[in-house]
Amino acid sequence: MTFSSARTFNATSSTTTASSGSRSGYRLFLGYAGGHGIYNTSQSICSWGNSSGAFGSQYDGSCGSYPNSLRMGTGSAGAYPTNVGGTWKFWIAF
């Protein structure tokens, strides 16, 4: 994902979408319960509609808490995620 301006790592909730890369047109939220990952444009932090194409901290009836109790998973056609749980790593490159 590439953005037109720098973004703070541990607290970004901008709804600006990526301008290029493998997830062009998607949002990136970092540092929030229910908002730490890549999301489609119908989603906001811990306020989900269709989660298709998203992955990261999910809403599964609860938003969890940042950083140690996030509900990590991948999006689905509905509001609730699939593949919740496990250990996740995020790699940020400059």
C-alpha atoms as a PDB file:
ATOM      1  CA  MET A   1       0.000   0.000   0.000  1.00  0.00           C
ATOM      2  CA  THR A   2       1.225   3.449  -0.852  1.00  0.00           C
ATOM      3  CA  PHE A   3      -0.224   6.686   0.524  1.00  0.00           C
ATOM      4  CA  SER A   4       0.258  10.241  -0.671  1.00  0.00           C
ATOM      5  CA  SER A   5       1.511  11.415   2.754  1.00  0.00           C
ATOM      6  CA  ALA A   6       3.202   9.989   5.872  1.00  0.00           C
ATOM      7  CA  ARG A   7       1.038   8.271   8.496  1.00  0.00           C
ATOM      8  CA  THR A   8       1.694   7.801  12.226  1.00  0.00           C
ATOM      9  CA  PHE A   9       2.243   4.114  13.006  1.00  0.00           C
ATOM     10  CA  ASN A  10       0.481   3.651  16.336  1.00  0.00           C
ATOM     11  CA  ALA A  11      -2.552   5.884  15.880  1.00  0.00           C
ATOM     12  CA  THR A  12      -3.952   6.458  12.423  1.00  0.00           C
ATOM     13  CA  SER A  13      -7.661   6.505  11.734  1.00  0.00           C
ATOM     14  CA  SER A  14      -7.654   8.506   8.509  1.00  0.00           C
ATOM     15  CA  THR A  15     -10.175   7.286   5.962  1.00  0.00           C
ATOM     16  CA  THR A  16      -7.761   8.172   3.138  1.00  0.00           C
ATOM     17  CA  THR A  17      -7.338   5.209   0.803  1.00  0.00           C
ATOM     18  CA  ALA A  18      -4.108   3.821  -0.606  1.00  0.00           C
ATOM     19  CA  SER A  19      -3.171   5.298  -3.975  1.00  0.00           C
ATOM     20  CA  SER A  20      -1.252   2.263  -5.244  1.00  0.00           C
ATOM     21  CA  GLY A  21       0.044  -1.167  -4.319  1.00  0.00           C
ATOM     22  CA  SER A  22      -1.684  -4.497  -3.812  1.00  0.00           C
ATOM     23  CA  ARG A  23      -4.489  -2.905  -1.749  1.00  0.00           C
ATOM     24  CA  SER A  24      -5.041   0.298  -3.705  1.00  0.00           C
ATOM     25  CA  GLY A  25      -8.361   1.858  -2.681  1.00  0.00           C
ATOM     26  CA  TYR A  26      -8.340   0.301   0.807  1.00  0.00           C
ATOM     27  CA  ARG A  27      -8.002   2.029   4.189  1.00  0.00           C
ATOM     28  CA  LEU A  28      -5.260   1.434   6.750  1.00  0.00           C
ATOM     29  CA  PHE A  29      -6.055   1.815  10.450  1.00  0.00           C
ATOM     30  CA  LEU A  30      -3.344   1.317  13.082  1.00  0.00           C
ATOM     31  CA  GLY A  31      -3.379   1.332  16.874  1.00  0.00           C
ATOM     32  CA  TYR A  32      -7.055   0.858  17.690  1.00  0.00           C
ATOM     33  CA  ALA A  33      -9.264  -1.941  19.000  1.00  0.00           C
ATOM     34  CA  GLY A  34     -11.342  -3.003  16.010  1.00  0.00           C
ATOM     35  CA  GLY A  35      -9.012  -0.970  13.810  1.00  0.00           C
ATOM     36  CA  HIS A  36      -5.518  -2.340  13.245  1.00  0.00           C
ATOM     37  CA  GLY A  37      -5.131  -3.596   9.699  1.00  0.00           C
ATOM     38  CA  ILE A  38      -6.433  -3.100   6.172  1.00  0.00           C
ATOM     39  CA  TYR A  39     -10.117  -2.330   5.582  1.00  0.00           C
ATOM     40  CA  ASN A  40     -12.480  -1.665   2.702  1.00  0.00           C
ATOM     41  CA  THR A  41     -14.188   1.723   2.299  1.00  0.00           C
ATOM     42  CA  SER A  42     -17.465   0.662   3.937  1.00  0.00           C
ATOM     43  CA  GLN A  43     -15.682   0.028   7.239  1.00  0.00           C
ATOM     44  CA  SER A  44     -14.703   2.283  10.108  1.00  0.00           C
ATOM     45  CA  ILE A  45     -12.933   1.540  13.376  1.00  0.00           C
ATOM     46  CA  CYS A  46     -15.049  -0.981  15.255  1.00  0.00           C
ATOM     47  CA  SER A  47     -18.092  -0.133  13.142  1.00  0.00           C
ATOM     48  CA  TRP A  48     -18.356  -2.747  10.456  1.00  0.00           C
ATOM     49  CA  GLY A  49     -20.598  -3.483   7.559  1.00  0.00           C
ATOM     50  CA  ASN A  50     -19.401  -5.870   4.865  1.00  0.00           C
ATOM     51  CA  SER A  51     -15.852  -6.926   5.788  1.00  0.00           C
ATOM     52  CA  SER A  52     -14.902  -8.425   2.410  1.00  0.00           C
ATOM     53  CA  GLY A  53     -11.214  -7.936   1.577  1.00  0.00           C
ATOM     54  CA  ALA A  54     -10.255  -6.782   5.066  1.00  0.00           C
ATOM     55  CA  PHE A  55      -7.742  -8.321   7.421  1.00  0.00           C
ATOM     56  CA  GLY A  56      -6.502  -7.329  10.836  1.00  0.00           C
ATOM     57  CA  SER A  57      -8.306  -6.410  14.018  1.00  0.00           C
ATOM     58  CA  GLN A  58     -11.945  -7.385  13.569  1.00  0.00           C
ATOM     59  CA  TYR A  59     -15.287  -6.781  15.245  1.00  0.00           C
ATOM     60  CA  ASP A  60     -16.842 -10.072  16.401  1.00  0.00           C
ATOM     61  CA  GLY A  61     -19.447  -8.705  18.801  1.00  0.00           C
ATOM     62  CA  SER A  62     -16.649  -6.943  20.697  1.00  0.00           C
ATOM     63  CA  CYS A  63     -13.797  -4.746  19.553  1.00  0.00           C
ATOM     64  CA  GLY A  64     -11.255  -6.224  21.953  1.00  0.00           C
ATOM     65  CA  SER A  65      -8.578  -3.880  23.259  1.00  0.00           C
ATOM     66  CA  TYR A  66      -5.327  -2.572  21.805  1.00  0.00           C
ATOM     67  CA  PRO A  67      -2.648  -3.922  21.768  1.00  0.00           C
ATOM     68  CA  ASN A  68      -2.877  -7.297  23.511  1.00  0.00           C
ATOM     69  CA  SER A  69      -6.509  -8.359  23.128  1.00  0.00           C
ATOM     70  CA  LEU A  70      -7.335  -7.563  19.520  1.00  0.00           C
ATOM     71  CA  ARG A  71      -9.633  -9.966  17.667  1.00  0.00           C
ATOM     72  CA  MET A  72      -7.540 -10.637  14.583  1.00  0.00           C
ATOM     73  CA  GLY A  73      -9.064 -12.240  11.506  1.00  0.00           C
ATOM     74  CA  THR A  74      -9.877 -11.976   7.827  1.00  0.00           C
ATOM     75  CA  GLY A  75     -12.959 -10.397   6.297  1.00  0.00           C
ATOM     76  CA  SER A  76     -16.023 -12.165   4.949  1.00  0.00           C
ATOM     77  CA  ALA A  77     -19.126 -11.198   2.989  1.00  0.00           C
ATOM     78  CA  GLY A  78     -20.830 -10.358   6.302  1.00  0.00           C
ATOM     79  CA  ALA A  79     -19.938  -8.081   9.171  1.00  0.00           C
ATOM     80  CA  TYR A  80     -18.293 -10.802  11.271  1.00  0.00           C
ATOM     81  CA  PRO A  81     -14.792 -12.074  10.422  1.00  0.00           C
ATOM     82  CA  THR A  82     -13.473 -15.536   9.696  1.00  0.00           C
ATOM     83  CA  ASN A  83     -10.206 -17.119  10.851  1.00  0.00           C
ATOM     84  CA  VAL A  84     -10.217 -15.248  14.160  1.00  0.00           C
ATOM     85  CA  GLY A  85      -7.322 -15.916  16.515  1.00  0.00           C
ATOM     86  CA  GLY A  86      -3.706 -16.956  16.313  1.00  0.00           C
ATOM     87  CA  THR A  87      -0.572 -14.832  16.244  1.00  0.00           C
ATOM     88  CA  TRP A  88      -0.313 -12.039  13.695  1.00  0.00           C
ATOM     89  CA  LYS A  89       2.685  -9.969  12.562  1.00  0.00           C
ATOM     90  CA  PHE A  90       2.594  -6.656  10.729  1.00  0.00           C
ATOM     91  CA  TRP A  91       5.593  -5.563   8.674  1.00  0.00           C
ATOM     92  CA  ILE A  92       5.905  -1.845   7.946  1.00  0.00           C
ATOM     93  CA  ALA A  93       8.401  -0.787   5.269  1.00  0.00           C
ATOM     94  CA  PHE A  94       9.613   2.682   4.357  1.00  0.00           C
END
